[in-house]
């Protein structure tokens, strides 16, 4: 069996994973320790922090509902197994798209987010690009070549990622922030769908 061991000791089979192994706390732990930009940012900048930023943009800029906000928070959750790869690298690695898609589908299916991504996928991708523009402005060294993915995208002025407060936060604090946001949004989703009654189909 080909497997990885997650932070809570679960052995996740990479070919035939069992439902329920990738809990929200496991995802939060992993994403808070995976650095974006392959570690080339001016400070450690995790996928968890990035996901919270995308969630904020979906709420505060795009004004989408709780379902879209939860999907935005979870848009990179599959990286807790698949890992992160910078976009230029994805184009160079044969088989990467299939590998990433497999885990993207798996996580979104388990968390009942497939229909939300079908409806709001383009909005979340736009929020992701807005986040990337902010990240490039605040965290990356200047370079002369434009980033094709950011054509026509300007960073949002109200968000700053290079503040002392953000720089002082630890990975554990980002994990807690991601998990707390997940809990709040999942509760709000259940309220919207079931009048506050939790449904076992949405709980791992």
N, C-alpha and C. Protein backbone atom coordinates (compact mmCIF):
# COMPACT_ATOMS: atom_id res chain seq x y z
N UNK A 1 0.84 -1.19 0.00
CA UNK A 1 0.00 0.00 0.00
C UNK A 1 0.88 1.25 0.00
N UNK A 2 0.61 2.18 -0.90
CA UNK A 2 1.30 3.45 -0.93
C UNK A 2 0.50 4.45 -0.11
N UNK A 3 1.10 4.98 0.95
CA UNK A 3 0.34 5.86 1.84
C UNK A 3 1.23 6.95 2.40
N UNK A 4 0.56 7.99 2.94
CA UNK A 4 1.25 9.00 3.74
C UNK A 4 0.66 8.98 5.14
N UNK A 5 1.43 9.46 6.11
CA UNK A 5 0.95 9.57 7.49
C UNK A 5 0.62 11.04 7.75
N UNK A 6 -0.60 11.31 8.19
CA UNK A 6 -1.01 12.68 8.46
C UNK A 6 -0.66 13.07 9.90
N UNK A 7 -0.90 14.32 10.24
CA UNK A 7 -0.49 14.85 11.54
C UNK A 7 -1.17 14.17 12.71
N UNK A 8 -2.33 13.55 12.48
CA UNK A 8 -3.02 12.86 13.56
C UNK A 8 -2.74 11.36 13.56
N UNK A 9 -1.79 10.93 12.75
CA UNK A 9 -1.39 9.52 12.74
C UNK A 9 -2.15 8.64 11.77
N UNK A 10 -3.06 9.21 10.99
CA UNK A 10 -3.81 8.41 10.02
C UNK A 10 -2.90 8.02 8.86
N UNK A 11 -3.06 6.80 8.38
CA UNK A 11 -2.35 6.35 7.19
C UNK A 11 -3.32 6.46 6.00
N UNK A 12 -3.07 7.44 5.15
CA UNK A 12 -3.95 7.72 4.03
C UNK A 12 -3.39 7.05 2.78
N UNK A 13 -4.12 6.07 2.28
CA UNK A 13 -3.72 5.37 1.07
C UNK A 13 -3.88 6.31 -0.12
N UNK A 14 -2.86 6.43 -0.94
CA UNK A 14 -2.89 7.38 -2.04
C UNK A 14 -3.71 6.88 -3.22
N UNK A 15 -4.00 5.61 -3.27
CA UNK A 15 -4.81 5.08 -4.37
C UNK A 15 -6.25 4.82 -3.94
N UNK A 16 -6.43 4.33 -2.72
CA UNK A 16 -7.78 4.00 -2.26
C UNK A 16 -8.00 4.57 -0.86
N UNK A 17 -8.07 5.90 -0.74
CA UNK A 17 -8.23 6.51 0.58
C UNK A 17 -9.61 6.23 1.17
N UNK A 18 -9.65 6.17 2.47
CA UNK A 18 -10.91 5.94 3.18
C UNK A 18 -11.57 7.28 3.48
N UNK A 19 -12.88 7.31 3.39
CA UNK A 19 -13.64 8.52 3.71
C UNK A 19 -13.44 8.89 5.17
N UNK A 20 -13.29 10.16 5.44
CA UNK A 20 -13.24 10.66 6.80
C UNK A 20 -11.86 10.82 7.39
N UNK A 21 -10.82 10.45 6.65
CA UNK A 21 -9.48 10.55 7.21
C UNK A 21 -8.95 11.98 7.21
N UNK A 22 -9.35 12.78 6.23
CA UNK A 22 -8.84 14.14 6.12
C UNK A 22 -9.79 15.10 6.84
N UNK A 23 -9.63 15.17 8.14
CA UNK A 23 -10.47 16.04 8.94
C UNK A 23 -10.06 17.49 8.74
N UNK A 24 -10.93 18.40 9.15
CA UNK A 24 -10.63 19.83 9.03
C UNK A 24 -9.39 20.19 9.84
N UNK A 25 -9.23 19.59 11.00
CA UNK A 25 -8.05 19.90 11.81
C UNK A 25 -6.78 19.38 11.15
N UNK A 26 -6.85 18.22 10.52
CA UNK A 26 -5.70 17.68 9.79
C UNK A 26 -5.33 18.60 8.62
N UNK A 27 -6.34 19.06 7.90
CA UNK A 27 -6.10 19.96 6.78
C UNK A 27 -5.47 21.26 7.27
N UNK A 28 -6.01 21.82 8.35
CA UNK A 28 -5.48 23.07 8.89
C UNK A 28 -4.02 22.92 9.29
N UNK A 29 -3.69 21.83 9.95
CA UNK A 29 -2.32 21.58 10.40
C UNK A 29 -1.37 21.55 9.20
N UNK A 30 -1.76 20.82 8.16
CA UNK A 30 -0.90 20.69 6.99
C UNK A 30 -0.74 22.00 6.24
N UNK A 31 -1.86 22.67 5.92
CA UNK A 31 -1.80 23.88 5.11
C UNK A 31 -1.03 25.00 5.81
N UNK A 32 -1.04 24.99 7.14
CA UNK A 32 -0.33 26.04 7.88
C UNK A 32 1.18 25.87 7.82
N UNK A 33 1.64 24.69 7.36
CA UNK A 33 3.08 24.45 7.29
C UNK A 33 3.60 24.32 5.85
N UNK A 34 2.71 24.44 4.87
CA UNK A 34 3.13 24.41 3.47
C UNK A 34 3.31 25.85 3.00
N UNK A 35 4.52 26.20 2.64
CA UNK A 35 4.80 27.55 2.17
C UNK A 35 4.51 27.71 0.69
N UNK A 36 3.88 28.82 0.34
CA UNK A 36 3.68 29.16 -1.06
C UNK A 36 4.97 29.71 -1.67
N UNK A 37 4.97 29.78 -3.00
CA UNK A 37 6.11 30.30 -3.76
C UNK A 37 7.39 29.51 -3.50
N UNK A 38 7.22 28.24 -3.13
CA UNK A 38 8.36 27.35 -2.88
C UNK A 38 9.34 27.97 -1.90
N UNK A 39 8.82 28.76 -0.95
CA UNK A 39 9.65 29.35 0.10
C UNK A 39 10.41 30.58 -0.32
N UNK A 40 10.09 31.18 -1.48
CA UNK A 40 10.84 32.34 -1.95
C UNK A 40 10.22 33.67 -1.56
N UNK A 41 9.15 33.65 -0.77
CA UNK A 41 8.55 34.90 -0.28
C UNK A 41 9.47 35.53 0.77
N UNK A 42 9.18 36.78 1.10
CA UNK A 42 10.02 37.51 2.05
C UNK A 42 9.88 36.98 3.47
N UNK A 43 8.86 36.18 3.72
CA UNK A 43 8.67 35.54 5.02
C UNK A 43 7.92 34.24 4.77
N UNK A 44 7.90 33.34 5.75
CA UNK A 44 7.09 32.14 5.58
C UNK A 44 5.62 32.51 5.36
N UNK A 45 5.08 32.11 4.23
CA UNK A 45 3.71 32.46 3.86
C UNK A 45 3.00 31.17 3.46
N UNK A 46 2.09 30.75 4.29
CA UNK A 46 1.52 29.41 4.15
C UNK A 46 0.27 29.38 3.28
N UNK A 47 -0.06 28.19 2.84
CA UNK A 47 -1.30 27.97 2.10
C UNK A 47 -2.50 28.29 2.99
N UNK A 48 -2.39 28.06 4.28
CA UNK A 48 -3.49 28.39 5.19
C UNK A 48 -3.75 29.89 5.19
N UNK A 49 -2.70 30.70 5.30
CA UNK A 49 -2.87 32.15 5.29
C UNK A 49 -3.44 32.60 3.94
N UNK A 50 -2.93 32.04 2.87
CA UNK A 50 -3.44 32.36 1.54
C UNK A 50 -4.93 32.01 1.44
N UNK A 51 -5.33 30.86 1.94
CA UNK A 51 -6.73 30.43 1.86
C UNK A 51 -7.64 31.37 2.63
N UNK A 52 -7.18 31.83 3.77
CA UNK A 52 -7.95 32.81 4.54
C UNK A 52 -8.09 34.12 3.77
N UNK A 53 -7.04 34.52 3.07
CA UNK A 53 -7.10 35.74 2.26
C UNK A 53 -8.12 35.59 1.15
N UNK A 54 -8.11 34.48 0.44
CA UNK A 54 -9.09 34.25 -0.63
C UNK A 54 -10.50 34.26 -0.07
N UNK A 55 -10.68 33.66 1.09
CA UNK A 55 -11.99 33.65 1.75
C UNK A 55 -12.43 35.08 2.07
N UNK A 56 -11.52 35.90 2.58
CA UNK A 56 -11.84 37.30 2.88
C UNK A 56 -12.25 38.05 1.61
N UNK A 57 -11.56 37.81 0.51
CA UNK A 57 -11.88 38.50 -0.74
C UNK A 57 -13.26 38.09 -1.25
N UNK A 58 -13.57 36.80 -1.16
CA UNK A 58 -14.88 36.32 -1.59
C UNK A 58 -15.99 36.97 -0.76
N UNK A 59 -15.73 37.16 0.53
CA UNK A 59 -16.73 37.78 1.39
C UNK A 59 -16.79 39.30 1.21
N UNK A 60 -15.65 39.97 1.28
CA UNK A 60 -15.62 41.43 1.38
C UNK A 60 -15.60 42.14 0.03
N UNK A 61 -15.10 41.49 -0.99
CA UNK A 61 -15.02 42.11 -2.32
C UNK A 61 -16.11 41.59 -3.24
N UNK A 62 -16.27 40.27 -3.29
CA UNK A 62 -17.26 39.68 -4.19
C UNK A 62 -18.63 39.54 -3.55
N UNK A 63 -18.69 39.65 -2.22
CA UNK A 63 -19.97 39.63 -1.48
C UNK A 63 -20.77 38.36 -1.75
N UNK A 64 -20.07 37.22 -1.76
CA UNK A 64 -20.74 35.94 -1.97
C UNK A 64 -21.16 35.31 -0.65
N UNK A 65 -22.02 34.32 -0.74
CA UNK A 65 -22.64 33.75 0.46
C UNK A 65 -21.71 32.79 1.19
N UNK A 66 -22.22 32.24 2.28
CA UNK A 66 -21.41 31.40 3.15
C UNK A 66 -20.92 30.15 2.44
N UNK A 67 -21.69 29.65 1.51
CA UNK A 67 -21.29 28.45 0.77
C UNK A 67 -20.05 28.74 -0.08
N UNK A 68 -20.05 29.88 -0.76
CA UNK A 68 -18.89 30.27 -1.56
C UNK A 68 -17.69 30.59 -0.67
N UNK A 69 -17.94 31.19 0.48
CA UNK A 69 -16.84 31.49 1.41
C UNK A 69 -16.17 30.21 1.89
N UNK A 70 -16.98 29.20 2.22
CA UNK A 70 -16.40 27.93 2.66
C UNK A 70 -15.62 27.27 1.53
N UNK A 71 -16.16 27.33 0.32
CA UNK A 71 -15.44 26.77 -0.82
C UNK A 71 -14.12 27.50 -1.04
N UNK A 72 -14.13 28.82 -0.87
CA UNK A 72 -12.90 29.60 -1.03
C UNK A 72 -11.87 29.19 0.01
N UNK A 73 -12.30 29.03 1.25
CA UNK A 73 -11.39 28.59 2.31
C UNK A 73 -10.79 27.23 1.98
N UNK A 74 -11.57 26.37 1.34
CA UNK A 74 -11.16 25.00 1.06
C UNK A 74 -10.58 24.82 -0.34
N UNK A 75 -10.36 25.90 -1.08
CA UNK A 75 -10.02 25.72 -2.50
C UNK A 75 -8.67 25.04 -2.70
N UNK A 76 -7.77 25.13 -1.73
CA UNK A 76 -6.49 24.44 -1.81
C UNK A 76 -6.34 23.33 -0.78
N UNK A 77 -7.46 22.89 -0.21
CA UNK A 77 -7.39 21.89 0.87
C UNK A 77 -6.78 20.58 0.40
N UNK A 78 -6.92 20.27 -0.87
CA UNK A 78 -6.35 19.02 -1.41
C UNK A 78 -4.83 18.98 -1.28
N UNK A 79 -4.21 20.15 -1.11
CA UNK A 79 -2.75 20.18 -1.01
C UNK A 79 -2.23 19.53 0.26
N UNK A 80 -3.12 19.24 1.20
CA UNK A 80 -2.68 18.52 2.41
C UNK A 80 -2.21 17.12 2.06
N UNK A 81 -2.60 16.62 0.90
CA UNK A 81 -2.10 15.33 0.40
C UNK A 81 -1.29 15.52 -0.88
N UNK A 82 -1.85 16.27 -1.82
CA UNK A 82 -1.21 16.40 -3.12
C UNK A 82 0.07 17.23 -3.06
N UNK A 83 0.17 18.12 -2.07
CA UNK A 83 1.30 19.03 -2.00
C UNK A 83 1.06 20.26 -2.85
N UNK A 84 1.91 21.26 -2.72
CA UNK A 84 1.79 22.49 -3.49
C UNK A 84 2.89 22.53 -4.56
N UNK A 85 2.56 23.12 -5.67
CA UNK A 85 3.52 23.31 -6.75
C UNK A 85 3.25 24.65 -7.38
N UNK A 86 4.28 25.45 -7.61
CA UNK A 86 4.08 26.73 -8.28
C UNK A 86 3.53 26.48 -9.68
N UNK A 87 2.75 27.45 -10.17
CA UNK A 87 2.06 27.29 -11.45
C UNK A 87 3.01 26.99 -12.60
N UNK A 88 4.15 27.67 -12.75
CA UNK A 88 5.05 27.31 -13.86
C UNK A 88 5.53 25.86 -13.77
N UNK A 89 5.75 25.37 -12.56
CA UNK A 89 6.20 23.99 -12.40
C UNK A 89 5.14 22.98 -12.81
N UNK A 90 3.87 23.31 -12.56
CA UNK A 90 2.79 22.39 -12.92
C UNK A 90 2.78 22.11 -14.41
N UNK A 91 3.18 23.12 -15.19
CA UNK A 91 3.21 22.94 -16.64
C UNK A 91 4.35 22.04 -17.10
N UNK A 92 5.32 21.84 -16.24
CA UNK A 92 6.51 21.08 -16.61
C UNK A 92 6.47 19.63 -16.11
N UNK A 93 5.62 19.34 -15.14
CA UNK A 93 5.60 18.02 -14.52
C UNK A 93 4.52 17.16 -15.17
N UNK A 94 4.93 16.14 -15.86
CA UNK A 94 3.99 15.25 -16.52
C UNK A 94 3.15 14.51 -15.48
N UNK A 95 1.84 14.53 -15.68
CA UNK A 95 0.93 13.83 -14.77
C UNK A 95 0.46 14.65 -13.60
N UNK A 96 0.99 15.88 -13.45
CA UNK A 96 0.59 16.67 -12.28
C UNK A 96 -0.90 16.98 -12.28
N UNK A 97 -1.46 17.36 -13.42
CA UNK A 97 -2.87 17.74 -13.48
C UNK A 97 -3.77 16.60 -13.01
N UNK A 98 -3.46 15.38 -13.45
CA UNK A 98 -4.29 14.23 -13.04
C UNK A 98 -4.15 13.98 -11.55
N UNK A 99 -2.93 14.06 -11.04
CA UNK A 99 -2.66 13.85 -9.62
C UNK A 99 -3.40 14.89 -8.78
N UNK A 100 -3.30 16.15 -9.15
CA UNK A 100 -3.96 17.21 -8.38
C UNK A 100 -5.48 17.10 -8.48
N UNK A 101 -5.98 16.82 -9.68
CA UNK A 101 -7.43 16.72 -9.87
C UNK A 101 -8.02 15.60 -9.00
N UNK A 102 -7.28 14.49 -8.92
CA UNK A 102 -7.79 13.36 -8.13
C UNK A 102 -8.06 13.79 -6.70
N UNK A 103 -7.12 14.52 -6.09
CA UNK A 103 -7.29 14.91 -4.70
C UNK A 103 -8.19 16.13 -4.53
N UNK A 104 -8.21 16.98 -5.52
CA UNK A 104 -9.16 18.10 -5.49
C UNK A 104 -10.58 17.56 -5.46
N UNK A 105 -10.87 16.64 -6.37
CA UNK A 105 -12.21 16.06 -6.42
C UNK A 105 -12.53 15.32 -5.13
N UNK A 106 -11.56 14.56 -4.61
CA UNK A 106 -11.80 13.77 -3.41
C UNK A 106 -12.19 14.64 -2.22
N UNK A 107 -11.42 15.69 -1.98
CA UNK A 107 -11.69 16.55 -0.82
C UNK A 107 -13.00 17.31 -1.00
N UNK A 108 -13.19 17.87 -2.16
CA UNK A 108 -14.42 18.64 -2.38
C UNK A 108 -15.66 17.76 -2.32
N UNK A 109 -15.54 16.53 -2.76
CA UNK A 109 -16.66 15.60 -2.67
C UNK A 109 -16.97 15.28 -1.22
N UNK A 110 -15.96 14.97 -0.43
CA UNK A 110 -16.18 14.61 0.98
C UNK A 110 -16.78 15.77 1.76
N UNK A 111 -16.44 16.98 1.40
CA UNK A 111 -16.93 18.14 2.13
C UNK A 111 -18.15 18.79 1.46
N UNK A 112 -18.77 18.07 0.54
CA UNK A 112 -20.01 18.50 -0.11
C UNK A 112 -19.87 19.88 -0.75
N UNK A 113 -18.78 20.05 -1.51
CA UNK A 113 -18.50 21.35 -2.13
C UNK A 113 -18.48 21.30 -3.66
N UNK A 114 -18.75 20.16 -4.26
CA UNK A 114 -18.66 20.06 -5.71
C UNK A 114 -19.65 20.99 -6.40
N UNK A 115 -20.89 21.05 -5.91
CA UNK A 115 -21.89 21.91 -6.55
C UNK A 115 -21.57 23.38 -6.35
N UNK A 116 -20.97 23.72 -5.21
CA UNK A 116 -20.60 25.11 -4.96
C UNK A 116 -19.50 25.55 -5.92
N UNK A 117 -18.51 24.68 -6.12
CA UNK A 117 -17.45 25.01 -7.07
C UNK A 117 -17.98 25.07 -8.49
N UNK A 118 -18.97 24.24 -8.82
CA UNK A 118 -19.57 24.31 -10.15
C UNK A 118 -20.25 25.65 -10.37
N UNK A 119 -20.84 26.20 -9.32
CA UNK A 119 -21.56 27.48 -9.42
C UNK A 119 -20.61 28.67 -9.31
N UNK A 120 -19.66 28.60 -8.37
CA UNK A 120 -18.83 29.77 -8.05
C UNK A 120 -17.35 29.57 -8.38
N UNK A 121 -17.03 28.55 -9.16
CA UNK A 121 -15.62 28.29 -9.44
C UNK A 121 -14.91 29.47 -10.08
N UNK A 122 -15.54 30.12 -11.04
CA UNK A 122 -14.90 31.26 -11.70
C UNK A 122 -14.71 32.42 -10.73
N UNK A 123 -15.66 32.63 -9.82
CA UNK A 123 -15.52 33.68 -8.81
C UNK A 123 -14.35 33.40 -7.88
N UNK A 124 -14.22 32.15 -7.47
CA UNK A 124 -13.15 31.79 -6.55
C UNK A 124 -11.79 31.88 -7.25
N UNK A 125 -11.74 31.51 -8.51
CA UNK A 125 -10.49 31.67 -9.27
C UNK A 125 -10.11 33.14 -9.39
N UNK A 126 -11.11 34.00 -9.58
CA UNK A 126 -10.83 35.44 -9.64
C UNK A 126 -10.30 35.93 -8.30
N UNK A 127 -10.93 35.50 -7.21
CA UNK A 127 -10.45 35.87 -5.87
C UNK A 127 -9.03 35.36 -5.64
N UNK A 128 -8.74 34.18 -6.16
CA UNK A 128 -7.40 33.60 -6.04
C UNK A 128 -6.37 34.47 -6.75
N UNK A 129 -6.73 34.98 -7.92
CA UNK A 129 -5.82 35.86 -8.66
C UNK A 129 -5.65 37.21 -7.96
N UNK A 130 -6.72 37.72 -7.38
CA UNK A 130 -6.60 38.95 -6.60
C UNK A 130 -5.66 38.75 -5.42
N UNK A 131 -5.77 37.60 -4.76
CA UNK A 131 -4.87 37.28 -3.66
C UNK A 131 -3.43 37.20 -4.15
N UNK A 132 -3.23 36.59 -5.30
CA UNK A 132 -1.89 36.46 -5.86
C UNK A 132 -1.28 37.83 -6.15
N UNK A 133 -2.10 38.76 -6.64
CA UNK A 133 -1.60 40.11 -6.91
C UNK A 133 -1.13 40.79 -5.62
N UNK A 134 -1.87 40.60 -4.55
CA UNK A 134 -1.48 41.16 -3.26
C UNK A 134 -0.19 40.51 -2.77
N UNK A 135 -0.12 39.20 -2.91
CA UNK A 135 1.07 38.46 -2.47
C UNK A 135 2.32 38.90 -3.24
N UNK A 136 2.16 39.07 -4.54
CA UNK A 136 3.33 39.51 -5.33
C UNK A 136 3.79 40.91 -4.88
N UNK A 137 2.84 41.80 -4.67
CA UNK A 137 3.17 43.16 -4.26
C UNK A 137 3.86 43.20 -2.90
N UNK A 138 3.34 42.43 -1.93
CA UNK A 138 3.78 42.56 -0.55
C UNK A 138 4.89 41.61 -0.13
N UNK A 139 5.01 40.47 -0.81
CA UNK A 139 5.88 39.41 -0.29
C UNK A 139 6.97 38.95 -1.24
N UNK A 140 6.88 39.32 -2.50
CA UNK A 140 7.86 38.82 -3.47
C UNK A 140 8.80 39.94 -3.92
N UNK A 141 10.06 39.62 -4.20
CA UNK A 141 10.97 40.63 -4.74
C UNK A 141 10.51 41.07 -6.13
N UNK A 142 10.83 42.30 -6.47
CA UNK A 142 10.45 42.80 -7.79
C UNK A 142 11.23 42.07 -8.87
N UNK A 143 10.56 41.83 -10.00
CA UNK A 143 11.20 41.19 -11.15
C UNK A 143 10.62 41.80 -12.41
N UNK A 144 11.40 41.84 -13.49
CA UNK A 144 10.97 42.62 -14.66
C UNK A 144 9.88 41.98 -15.50
N UNK A 145 9.76 40.66 -15.48
CA UNK A 145 8.82 39.99 -16.38
C UNK A 145 7.42 39.95 -15.77
N UNK A 146 6.42 40.44 -16.50
CA UNK A 146 5.04 40.37 -15.97
C UNK A 146 4.60 38.93 -15.77
N UNK A 147 3.75 38.72 -14.78
CA UNK A 147 3.15 37.41 -14.56
C UNK A 147 1.89 37.32 -15.41
N UNK A 148 1.90 36.40 -16.34
CA UNK A 148 0.78 36.29 -17.28
C UNK A 148 -0.55 36.13 -16.57
N UNK A 149 -0.57 35.36 -15.51
CA UNK A 149 -1.82 35.08 -14.80
C UNK A 149 -2.42 36.33 -14.18
N UNK A 150 -1.61 37.37 -13.99
CA UNK A 150 -2.09 38.60 -13.35
C UNK A 150 -2.40 39.70 -14.37
N UNK A 151 -2.48 39.37 -15.64
CA UNK A 151 -2.83 40.36 -16.65
C UNK A 151 -4.21 40.96 -16.34
N UNK A 152 -4.25 42.26 -16.19
CA UNK A 152 -5.51 42.95 -15.90
C UNK A 152 -5.94 42.91 -14.45
N UNK A 153 -5.12 42.33 -13.57
CA UNK A 153 -5.47 42.21 -12.15
C UNK A 153 -4.62 43.18 -11.34
N UNK A 154 -5.26 44.00 -10.52
CA UNK A 154 -4.55 44.92 -9.65
C UNK A 154 -4.74 44.50 -8.19
N UNK A 155 -3.71 44.62 -7.36
CA UNK A 155 -3.86 44.24 -5.95
C UNK A 155 -4.83 45.16 -5.22
N UNK A 156 -5.51 44.60 -4.25
CA UNK A 156 -6.48 45.35 -3.45
C UNK A 156 -5.74 46.20 -2.43
N UNK A 157 -6.14 47.46 -2.29
CA UNK A 157 -5.42 48.39 -1.43
C UNK A 157 -5.62 48.15 0.06
N UNK A 158 -6.78 47.63 0.47
CA UNK A 158 -7.06 47.53 1.91
C UNK A 158 -6.33 46.38 2.59
N UNK A 159 -5.81 45.46 1.83
CA UNK A 159 -5.13 44.31 2.44
C UNK A 159 -3.63 44.46 2.32
N UNK A 160 -2.95 44.31 3.46
CA UNK A 160 -1.49 44.35 3.49
C UNK A 160 -0.98 43.07 4.16
N UNK A 161 -0.06 42.38 3.52
CA UNK A 161 0.44 41.12 4.05
C UNK A 161 1.79 41.26 4.75
N UNK A 162 2.40 42.42 4.62
CA UNK A 162 3.74 42.61 5.21
C UNK A 162 3.69 43.45 6.48
N UNK A 163 2.64 43.25 7.28
CA UNK A 163 2.52 43.98 8.55
C UNK A 163 3.26 43.23 9.66
N UNK A 164 3.70 43.93 10.70
CA UNK A 164 4.36 43.25 11.84
C UNK A 164 3.46 42.21 12.49
N UNK A 165 2.15 42.48 12.54
CA UNK A 165 1.23 41.54 13.18
C UNK A 165 1.19 40.21 12.43
N UNK A 166 1.11 40.27 11.13
CA UNK A 166 1.10 39.04 10.34
C UNK A 166 2.44 38.32 10.41
N UNK A 167 3.51 39.09 10.34
CA UNK A 167 4.84 38.49 10.36
C UNK A 167 5.13 37.79 11.68
N UNK A 168 4.47 38.24 12.76
CA UNK A 168 4.72 37.66 14.08
C UNK A 168 3.91 36.39 14.34
N UNK A 169 2.91 36.12 13.52
CA UNK A 169 2.06 34.95 13.76
C UNK A 169 2.81 33.66 13.45
N UNK A 170 2.58 32.65 14.26
CA UNK A 170 3.22 31.35 14.08
C UNK A 170 2.33 30.45 13.23
N UNK A 171 2.92 29.33 12.79
CA UNK A 171 2.12 28.40 11.99
C UNK A 171 0.96 27.84 12.80
N UNK A 172 1.16 27.67 14.10
CA UNK A 172 0.06 27.17 14.94
C UNK A 172 -1.09 28.17 14.98
N UNK A 173 -0.77 29.45 15.02
CA UNK A 173 -1.81 30.47 15.03
C UNK A 173 -2.56 30.50 13.70
N UNK A 174 -1.84 30.31 12.59
CA UNK A 174 -2.51 30.27 11.30
C UNK A 174 -3.37 29.01 11.18
N UNK A 175 -2.89 27.89 11.72
CA UNK A 175 -3.69 26.67 11.71
C UNK A 175 -4.98 26.87 12.49
N UNK A 176 -4.87 27.51 13.66
CA UNK A 176 -6.05 27.77 14.48
C UNK A 176 -7.00 28.73 13.77
N UNK A 177 -6.44 29.76 13.12
CA UNK A 177 -7.29 30.72 12.42
C UNK A 177 -8.04 30.05 11.27
N UNK A 178 -7.34 29.18 10.52
CA UNK A 178 -8.01 28.46 9.43
C UNK A 178 -9.10 27.56 9.98
N UNK A 179 -8.79 26.82 11.03
CA UNK A 179 -9.77 25.88 11.58
C UNK A 179 -10.96 26.62 12.18
N UNK A 180 -10.71 27.72 12.86
CA UNK A 180 -11.81 28.50 13.44
C UNK A 180 -12.74 29.02 12.35
N UNK A 181 -12.14 29.50 11.25
CA UNK A 181 -12.98 29.99 10.14
C UNK A 181 -13.78 28.84 9.54
N UNK A 182 -13.14 27.68 9.41
CA UNK A 182 -13.87 26.53 8.89
C UNK A 182 -15.06 26.20 9.78
N UNK A 183 -14.84 26.13 11.08
CA UNK A 183 -15.92 25.78 12.01
C UNK A 183 -17.07 26.78 11.91
N UNK A 184 -16.74 28.07 11.86
CA UNK A 184 -17.78 29.10 11.79
C UNK A 184 -18.57 29.00 10.49
N UNK A 185 -17.87 28.79 9.38
CA UNK A 185 -18.55 28.71 8.09
C UNK A 185 -19.35 27.42 7.95
N UNK A 186 -18.84 26.33 8.46
CA UNK A 186 -19.57 25.07 8.40
C UNK A 186 -20.84 25.15 9.22
N UNK A 187 -20.76 25.78 10.39
CA UNK A 187 -21.95 25.96 11.22
C UNK A 187 -22.98 26.83 10.49
N UNK A 188 -22.50 27.92 9.89
CA UNK A 188 -23.41 28.81 9.16
C UNK A 188 -24.04 28.10 7.96
N UNK A 189 -23.24 27.25 7.29
CA UNK A 189 -23.81 26.49 6.17
C UNK A 189 -24.91 25.56 6.65
N UNK A 190 -24.67 24.85 7.76
CA UNK A 190 -25.69 23.95 8.28
C UNK A 190 -26.94 24.71 8.70
N UNK A 191 -26.75 25.88 9.26
CA UNK A 191 -27.91 26.70 9.62
C UNK A 191 -28.70 27.08 8.38
N UNK A 192 -28.00 27.48 7.33
CA UNK A 192 -28.67 27.89 6.11
C UNK A 192 -29.41 26.72 5.45
N UNK A 193 -28.82 25.54 5.51
CA UNK A 193 -29.41 24.38 4.84
C UNK A 193 -30.45 23.66 5.69
N UNK A 194 -30.19 23.57 7.00
CA UNK A 194 -31.01 22.70 7.86
C UNK A 194 -31.57 23.41 9.07
N UNK A 195 -31.53 24.72 9.08
CA UNK A 195 -32.08 25.44 10.22
C UNK A 195 -31.29 25.24 11.50
N UNK A 196 -29.97 25.03 11.34
CA UNK A 196 -29.10 24.89 12.52
C UNK A 196 -28.85 23.47 12.93
N UNK A 197 -29.56 22.51 12.34
CA UNK A 197 -29.36 21.11 12.70
C UNK A 197 -28.18 20.56 11.90
N UNK A 198 -27.13 20.06 12.56
CA UNK A 198 -26.00 19.48 11.80
C UNK A 198 -26.41 18.24 11.05
N UNK A 199 -25.80 18.01 9.93
CA UNK A 199 -26.10 16.85 9.10
C UNK A 199 -24.84 15.99 9.00
N UNK A 200 -24.97 14.71 9.25
CA UNK A 200 -23.80 13.85 9.28
C UNK A 200 -23.10 13.80 7.93
N UNK A 201 -23.81 14.10 6.86
CA UNK A 201 -23.20 14.06 5.54
C UNK A 201 -22.17 15.14 5.32
N UNK A 202 -22.16 16.17 6.19
CA UNK A 202 -21.20 17.24 6.04
C UNK A 202 -20.13 17.19 7.08
N UNK A 203 -20.09 16.18 7.92
CA UNK A 203 -19.13 16.10 9.00
C UNK A 203 -18.18 14.95 8.78
N UNK A 204 -16.87 15.23 8.90
CA UNK A 204 -15.88 14.17 8.76
C UNK A 204 -15.30 13.84 10.13
